[in-house]
Amino acid sequence: MSLIGRWIIVAVALIVAVALIPGIRVDSTNAWIAVGAMAVVLGLVNALTRNVLTSLGCGYVLPALGLLVLILNALTLWLSSWITRNWLNLGFHVDGFWPALLGGVVVGVVSFVVSLFLVDEWKAPSVSST
């Protein structure tokens, strides 16, 4: 799947999170731009920090039954919101840790479900003539 395809999936997941979670909102006149920018920032934050943070907490993921992954999702969503709001002056708000935690779960689940319906080029079954 292309980078733009993944960006659109995350944007759709963020729209669902805004619709479902009371502490996540868009206060911008250009809501589509705010959500699109938030999707890009979230992708960059995940790409730059996620592997390092997961590696540092690797020994704690199994004993905590995956709760560390949920917390990392919440922190990356919260940080992305802060960057989008303060550096880009766009109105995507996550109002605290609990909305970020619930939003991280929603974004993760929606992204996973939407990705199931889209076929990756490298996952596509090939037809053999044998």
N, C-alpha and C. Protein backbone atom coordinates (compact mmCIF):
# COMPACT_ATOMS: atom_id res chain seq x y z
N MET A 1 0.84 -1.16 0.00
CA MET A 1 0.00 0.00 0.00
C MET A 1 0.90 1.24 0.00
N SER A 2 0.47 2.23 -0.68
CA SER A 2 1.29 3.43 -0.81
C SER A 2 1.22 4.26 0.47
N LEU A 3 2.13 5.19 0.55
CA LEU A 3 2.18 6.09 1.68
C LEU A 3 0.91 6.93 1.77
N ILE A 4 0.40 7.36 0.65
CA ILE A 4 -0.83 8.15 0.62
C ILE A 4 -2.01 7.30 1.09
N GLY A 5 -2.03 6.03 0.71
CA GLY A 5 -3.09 5.14 1.17
C GLY A 5 -3.09 4.98 2.68
N ARG A 6 -1.92 4.81 3.25
CA ARG A 6 -1.82 4.69 4.71
C ARG A 6 -2.22 6.00 5.39
N TRP A 7 -1.85 7.12 4.79
CA TRP A 7 -2.20 8.43 5.32
C TRP A 7 -3.73 8.60 5.34
N ILE A 8 -4.38 8.17 4.28
CA ILE A 8 -5.84 8.27 4.21
C ILE A 8 -6.50 7.37 5.26
N ILE A 9 -5.94 6.18 5.47
CA ILE A 9 -6.48 5.27 6.49
C ILE A 9 -6.39 5.91 7.87
N VAL A 10 -5.26 6.51 8.18
CA VAL A 10 -5.09 7.16 9.49
C VAL A 10 -6.03 8.36 9.61
N ALA A 11 -6.21 9.11 8.53
CA ALA A 11 -7.13 10.25 8.56
C ALA A 11 -8.56 9.78 8.83
N VAL A 12 -8.98 8.70 8.19
CA VAL A 12 -10.32 8.15 8.44
C VAL A 12 -10.44 7.70 9.90
N ALA A 13 -9.40 7.05 10.42
CA ALA A 13 -9.41 6.61 11.81
C ALA A 13 -9.49 7.80 12.77
N LEU A 14 -8.81 8.88 12.44
CA LEU A 14 -8.88 10.07 13.27
C LEU A 14 -10.27 10.70 13.24
N ILE A 15 -10.91 10.69 12.09
CA ILE A 15 -12.28 11.21 11.99
C ILE A 15 -13.23 10.39 12.87
N VAL A 16 -13.05 9.08 12.87
CA VAL A 16 -13.88 8.21 13.73
C VAL A 16 -13.60 8.52 15.20
N ALA A 17 -12.34 8.73 15.55
CA ALA A 17 -11.99 9.06 16.95
C ALA A 17 -12.61 10.39 17.36
N VAL A 18 -12.60 11.38 16.47
CA VAL A 18 -13.22 12.67 16.77
C VAL A 18 -14.72 12.49 16.99
N ALA A 19 -15.34 11.63 16.21
CA ALA A 19 -16.78 11.41 16.33
C ALA A 19 -17.15 10.63 17.59
N LEU A 20 -16.28 9.74 18.06
CA LEU A 20 -16.63 8.86 19.17
C LEU A 20 -16.13 9.31 20.54
N ILE A 21 -14.98 9.95 20.61
CA ILE A 21 -14.34 10.26 21.89
C ILE A 21 -14.63 11.71 22.26
N PRO A 22 -15.25 11.96 23.42
CA PRO A 22 -15.60 13.33 23.79
C PRO A 22 -14.41 14.27 23.97
N GLY A 23 -13.27 13.80 24.38
CA GLY A 23 -12.12 14.67 24.62
C GLY A 23 -11.25 14.92 23.40
N ILE A 24 -11.66 14.44 22.24
CA ILE A 24 -10.91 14.67 21.00
C ILE A 24 -11.81 15.49 20.09
N ARG A 25 -11.30 16.64 19.65
CA ARG A 25 -12.14 17.52 18.83
C ARG A 25 -11.29 18.29 17.83
N VAL A 26 -11.98 18.81 16.83
CA VAL A 26 -11.35 19.66 15.82
C VAL A 26 -12.03 21.01 15.90
N ASP A 27 -11.27 22.05 16.26
CA ASP A 27 -11.80 23.41 16.40
C ASP A 27 -11.28 24.31 15.30
N SER A 28 -11.25 23.84 14.12
CA SER A 28 -10.71 24.61 13.00
C SER A 28 -11.79 24.81 11.95
N THR A 29 -11.71 25.94 11.26
CA THR A 29 -12.65 26.15 10.17
C THR A 29 -12.36 25.22 9.01
N ASN A 30 -11.11 24.83 8.86
CA ASN A 30 -10.70 23.87 7.84
C ASN A 30 -10.43 22.52 8.52
N ALA A 31 -11.49 21.85 8.93
CA ALA A 31 -11.34 20.61 9.69
C ALA A 31 -10.62 19.54 8.89
N TRP A 32 -10.85 19.48 7.57
CA TRP A 32 -10.18 18.47 6.75
C TRP A 32 -8.68 18.68 6.73
N ILE A 33 -8.27 19.94 6.70
CA ILE A 33 -6.83 20.23 6.71
C ILE A 33 -6.24 19.86 8.06
N ALA A 34 -6.95 20.15 9.14
CA ALA A 34 -6.47 19.80 10.48
C ALA A 34 -6.34 18.29 10.64
N VAL A 35 -7.33 17.54 10.17
CA VAL A 35 -7.27 16.08 10.28
C VAL A 35 -6.17 15.52 9.38
N GLY A 36 -6.04 16.04 8.18
CA GLY A 36 -4.97 15.58 7.28
C GLY A 36 -3.59 15.86 7.84
N ALA A 37 -3.41 17.07 8.38
CA ALA A 37 -2.11 17.40 8.98
C ALA A 37 -1.84 16.54 10.21
N MET A 38 -2.88 16.29 10.98
CA MET A 38 -2.72 15.44 12.16
C MET A 38 -2.33 14.02 11.75
N ALA A 39 -2.89 13.52 10.66
CA ALA A 39 -2.52 12.18 10.18
C ALA A 39 -1.06 12.14 9.76
N VAL A 40 -0.60 13.18 9.09
CA VAL A 40 0.81 13.24 8.68
C VAL A 40 1.72 13.32 9.90
N VAL A 41 1.38 14.19 10.85
CA VAL A 41 2.20 14.35 12.06
C VAL A 41 2.20 13.06 12.87
N LEU A 42 1.05 12.42 12.99
CA LEU A 42 0.99 11.15 13.73
C LEU A 42 1.86 10.09 13.06
N GLY A 43 1.84 10.05 11.75
CA GLY A 43 2.71 9.11 11.04
C GLY A 43 4.18 9.40 11.27
N LEU A 44 4.55 10.68 11.25
CA LEU A 44 5.95 11.05 11.49
C LEU A 44 6.38 10.76 12.92
N VAL A 45 5.52 11.08 13.88
CA VAL A 45 5.85 10.80 15.29
C VAL A 45 5.99 9.31 15.50
N ASN A 46 5.09 8.52 14.92
CA ASN A 46 5.21 7.07 15.04
C ASN A 46 6.49 6.56 14.40
N ALA A 47 6.82 7.09 13.23
CA ALA A 47 8.03 6.64 12.54
C ALA A 47 9.30 7.02 13.29
N LEU A 48 9.31 8.18 13.91
CA LEU A 48 10.53 8.66 14.56
C LEU A 48 10.71 8.17 15.99
N THR A 49 9.62 7.95 16.72
CA THR A 49 9.77 7.63 18.14
C THR A 49 9.28 6.24 18.52
N ARG A 50 8.37 5.69 17.79
CA ARG A 50 7.71 4.45 18.18
C ARG A 50 8.69 3.28 18.36
N ASN A 51 9.57 3.08 17.40
CA ASN A 51 10.51 1.96 17.49
C ASN A 51 11.46 2.11 18.67
N VAL A 52 11.92 3.32 18.90
CA VAL A 52 12.83 3.56 20.03
C VAL A 52 12.12 3.31 21.35
N LEU A 53 10.91 3.86 21.49
CA LEU A 53 10.17 3.68 22.74
C LEU A 53 9.77 2.23 22.96
N THR A 54 9.37 1.54 21.91
CA THR A 54 9.01 0.13 22.03
C THR A 54 10.24 -0.70 22.40
N SER A 55 11.39 -0.39 21.81
CA SER A 55 12.61 -1.12 22.14
C SER A 55 13.03 -0.90 23.59
N LEU A 56 12.89 0.33 24.06
CA LEU A 56 13.26 0.62 25.45
C LEU A 56 12.33 -0.09 26.43
N GLY A 57 11.07 -0.22 26.07
CA GLY A 57 10.12 -0.86 26.97
C GLY A 57 9.83 -2.30 26.64
N CYS A 58 10.66 -2.91 25.80
CA CYS A 58 10.42 -4.26 25.31
C CYS A 58 10.25 -5.28 26.44
N GLY A 59 11.04 -5.15 27.47
CA GLY A 59 10.96 -6.09 28.58
C GLY A 59 9.71 -5.94 29.42
N TYR A 60 9.00 -4.85 29.25
CA TYR A 60 7.80 -4.60 30.05
C TYR A 60 6.51 -4.90 29.31
N VAL A 61 6.58 -5.11 28.00
CA VAL A 61 5.36 -5.33 27.21
C VAL A 61 4.70 -6.65 27.60
N LEU A 62 5.45 -7.71 27.67
CA LEU A 62 4.86 -9.01 27.98
C LEU A 62 4.34 -9.07 29.42
N PRO A 63 5.12 -8.66 30.43
CA PRO A 63 4.56 -8.72 31.79
C PRO A 63 3.35 -7.82 31.98
N ALA A 64 3.28 -6.72 31.26
CA ALA A 64 2.15 -5.79 31.39
C ALA A 64 1.00 -6.17 30.47
N LEU A 65 1.11 -7.31 29.80
CA LEU A 65 0.07 -7.82 28.91
C LEU A 65 -0.31 -6.83 27.82
N GLY A 66 0.66 -6.14 27.30
CA GLY A 66 0.42 -5.22 26.19
C GLY A 66 -0.06 -3.84 26.57
N LEU A 67 -0.22 -3.58 27.85
CA LEU A 67 -0.69 -2.26 28.27
C LEU A 67 0.30 -1.16 27.90
N LEU A 68 1.58 -1.49 27.85
CA LEU A 68 2.58 -0.50 27.46
C LEU A 68 2.34 -0.02 26.03
N VAL A 69 1.92 -0.92 25.16
CA VAL A 69 1.63 -0.53 23.78
C VAL A 69 0.47 0.45 23.73
N LEU A 70 -0.56 0.22 24.54
CA LEU A 70 -1.68 1.15 24.60
C LEU A 70 -1.25 2.52 25.11
N ILE A 71 -0.37 2.52 26.09
CA ILE A 71 0.13 3.78 26.63
C ILE A 71 0.99 4.50 25.59
N LEU A 72 1.81 3.75 24.85
CA LEU A 72 2.61 4.38 23.79
C LEU A 72 1.72 4.96 22.69
N ASN A 73 0.64 4.26 22.34
CA ASN A 73 -0.31 4.80 21.37
C ASN A 73 -0.92 6.11 21.87
N ALA A 74 -1.29 6.12 23.13
CA ALA A 74 -1.88 7.33 23.72
C ALA A 74 -0.88 8.48 23.71
N LEU A 75 0.35 8.20 24.10
CA LEU A 75 1.36 9.27 24.16
C LEU A 75 1.70 9.81 22.77
N THR A 76 1.77 8.94 21.77
CA THR A 76 2.06 9.43 20.42
C THR A 76 0.90 10.24 19.86
N LEU A 77 -0.33 9.85 20.17
CA LEU A 77 -1.50 10.63 19.73
C LEU A 77 -1.52 11.98 20.42
N TRP A 78 -1.25 11.99 21.71
CA TRP A 78 -1.24 13.22 22.49
C TRP A 78 -0.13 14.16 22.01
N LEU A 79 1.07 13.62 21.79
CA LEU A 79 2.18 14.43 21.28
C LEU A 79 1.89 14.97 19.89
N SER A 80 1.31 14.16 19.04
CA SER A 80 0.96 14.62 17.69
C SER A 80 -0.06 15.75 17.73
N SER A 81 -1.02 15.64 18.63
CA SER A 81 -2.00 16.71 18.80
C SER A 81 -1.33 17.99 19.26
N TRP A 82 -0.40 17.87 20.19
CA TRP A 82 0.31 19.04 20.70
C TRP A 82 1.11 19.71 19.59
N ILE A 83 1.79 18.91 18.78
CA ILE A 83 2.57 19.46 17.66
C ILE A 83 1.65 20.13 16.65
N THR A 84 0.56 19.47 16.31
CA THR A 84 -0.38 20.03 15.33
C THR A 84 -0.98 21.34 15.83
N ARG A 85 -1.29 21.39 17.11
CA ARG A 85 -1.92 22.59 17.69
C ARG A 85 -0.91 23.73 17.88
N ASN A 86 0.27 23.44 18.39
CA ASN A 86 1.21 24.50 18.77
C ASN A 86 2.17 24.90 17.66
N TRP A 87 2.59 23.97 16.84
CA TRP A 87 3.55 24.30 15.79
C TRP A 87 2.87 24.65 14.47
N LEU A 88 1.78 23.96 14.17
CA LEU A 88 1.10 24.19 12.90
C LEU A 88 -0.13 25.09 13.03
N ASN A 89 -0.49 25.44 14.26
CA ASN A 89 -1.64 26.30 14.55
C ASN A 89 -2.93 25.77 13.93
N LEU A 90 -3.13 24.47 14.02
CA LEU A 90 -4.36 23.84 13.55
C LEU A 90 -5.12 23.34 14.77
N GLY A 91 -6.42 23.29 14.68
CA GLY A 91 -7.25 23.03 15.84
C GLY A 91 -7.60 21.59 16.11
N PHE A 92 -6.62 20.70 16.13
CA PHE A 92 -6.89 19.31 16.51
C PHE A 92 -6.48 19.16 17.97
N HIS A 93 -7.45 18.88 18.84
CA HIS A 93 -7.20 18.84 20.28
C HIS A 93 -7.45 17.46 20.86
N VAL A 94 -6.52 17.03 21.70
CA VAL A 94 -6.73 15.86 22.56
C VAL A 94 -6.59 16.40 23.97
N ASP A 95 -7.68 16.32 24.75
CA ASP A 95 -7.78 17.05 26.01
C ASP A 95 -7.18 16.36 27.23
N GLY A 96 -6.40 15.36 27.08
CA GLY A 96 -5.79 14.72 28.24
C GLY A 96 -5.40 13.29 27.94
N PHE A 97 -4.91 12.62 28.99
CA PHE A 97 -4.41 11.27 28.82
C PHE A 97 -5.53 10.28 28.50
N TRP A 98 -6.65 10.35 29.20
CA TRP A 98 -7.72 9.36 28.99
C TRP A 98 -8.34 9.47 27.60
N PRO A 99 -8.64 10.68 27.11
CA PRO A 99 -9.09 10.75 25.71
C PRO A 99 -8.02 10.26 24.74
N ALA A 100 -6.74 10.52 25.06
CA ALA A 100 -5.66 10.04 24.19
C ALA A 100 -5.60 8.51 24.21
N LEU A 101 -5.80 7.91 25.38
CA LEU A 101 -5.78 6.45 25.48
C LEU A 101 -6.94 5.84 24.69
N LEU A 102 -8.14 6.37 24.89
CA LEU A 102 -9.29 5.86 24.13
C LEU A 102 -9.14 6.15 22.64
N GLY A 103 -8.63 7.32 22.31
CA GLY A 103 -8.41 7.67 20.91
C GLY A 103 -7.37 6.78 20.25
N GLY A 104 -6.31 6.44 20.99
CA GLY A 104 -5.30 5.53 20.46
C GLY A 104 -5.88 4.16 20.15
N VAL A 105 -6.77 3.69 21.02
CA VAL A 105 -7.42 2.40 20.79
C VAL A 105 -8.31 2.49 19.56
N VAL A 106 -9.10 3.56 19.46
CA VAL A 106 -10.01 3.72 18.32
C VAL A 106 -9.22 3.83 17.02
N VAL A 107 -8.18 4.66 17.01
CA VAL A 107 -7.38 4.84 15.80
C VAL A 107 -6.73 3.51 15.40
N GLY A 108 -6.21 2.78 16.36
CA GLY A 108 -5.59 1.50 16.06
C GLY A 108 -6.56 0.48 15.51
N VAL A 109 -7.73 0.37 16.13
CA VAL A 109 -8.73 -0.61 15.68
C VAL A 109 -9.28 -0.23 14.31
N VAL A 110 -9.63 1.04 14.13
CA VAL A 110 -10.19 1.46 12.83
C VAL A 110 -9.15 1.31 11.73
N SER A 111 -7.90 1.67 12.00
CA SER A 111 -6.84 1.51 11.00
C SER A 111 -6.67 0.05 10.62
N PHE A 112 -6.71 -0.83 11.62
CA PHE A 112 -6.57 -2.26 11.35
C PHE A 112 -7.73 -2.78 10.50
N VAL A 113 -8.95 -2.41 10.87
CA VAL A 113 -10.13 -2.91 10.15
C VAL A 113 -10.15 -2.39 8.72
N VAL A 114 -9.87 -1.11 8.53
CA VAL A 114 -9.86 -0.55 7.17
C VAL A 114 -8.75 -1.19 6.35
N SER A 115 -7.60 -1.44 6.95
CA SER A 115 -6.49 -2.06 6.24
C SER A 115 -6.81 -3.49 5.79
N LEU A 116 -7.69 -4.17 6.52
CA LEU A 116 -8.07 -5.53 6.12
C LEU A 116 -8.76 -5.55 4.77
N PHE A 117 -9.49 -4.48 4.45
CA PHE A 117 -10.25 -4.44 3.22
C PHE A 117 -9.44 -3.94 2.02
N LEU A 118 -8.26 -3.45 2.27
CA LEU A 118 -7.40 -2.97 1.20
C LEU A 118 -6.29 -3.97 0.97
N VAL A 119 -5.98 -4.24 -0.27
CA VAL A 119 -4.98 -5.25 -0.62
C VAL A 119 -3.64 -4.56 -0.84
N ASP A 120 -2.63 -5.05 -0.13
CA ASP A 120 -1.27 -4.59 -0.38
C ASP A 120 -0.73 -5.26 -1.63
N GLU A 121 0.16 -4.55 -2.32
CA GLU A 121 0.77 -5.14 -3.52
C GLU A 121 1.59 -6.37 -3.15
N TRP A 122 2.29 -6.33 -2.04
CA TRP A 122 3.14 -7.45 -1.67
C TRP A 122 2.35 -8.59 -1.02
N LYS A 123 1.11 -8.34 -0.60
CA LYS A 123 0.29 -9.39 -0.03
C LYS A 123 -0.65 -10.03 -1.03
N ALA A 124 -0.76 -9.44 -2.19
CA ALA A 124 -1.70 -9.94 -3.17
C ALA A 124 -1.31 -11.36 -3.59
N PRO A 125 -2.28 -12.27 -3.61
CA PRO A 125 -1.94 -13.64 -4.02
C PRO A 125 -1.58 -13.68 -5.50
N SER A 126 -0.59 -14.48 -5.78
CA SER A 126 -0.17 -14.62 -7.17
C SER A 126 -0.73 -15.92 -7.73
N VAL A 127 -1.03 -15.89 -8.99
CA VAL A 127 -1.57 -17.07 -9.66
C VAL A 127 -0.40 -17.79 -10.33
N SER A 128 -0.23 -19.05 -9.97
CA SER A 128 0.86 -19.81 -10.58
C SER A 128 0.27 -20.78 -11.60
N SER A 129 1.06 -21.15 -12.53
CA SER A 129 0.60 -22.04 -13.59
C SER A 129 0.99 -23.49 -13.35
N THR A 130 1.28 -23.86 -12.11
CA THR A 130 1.65 -25.25 -11.82
C THR A 130 0.49 -26.08 -11.42
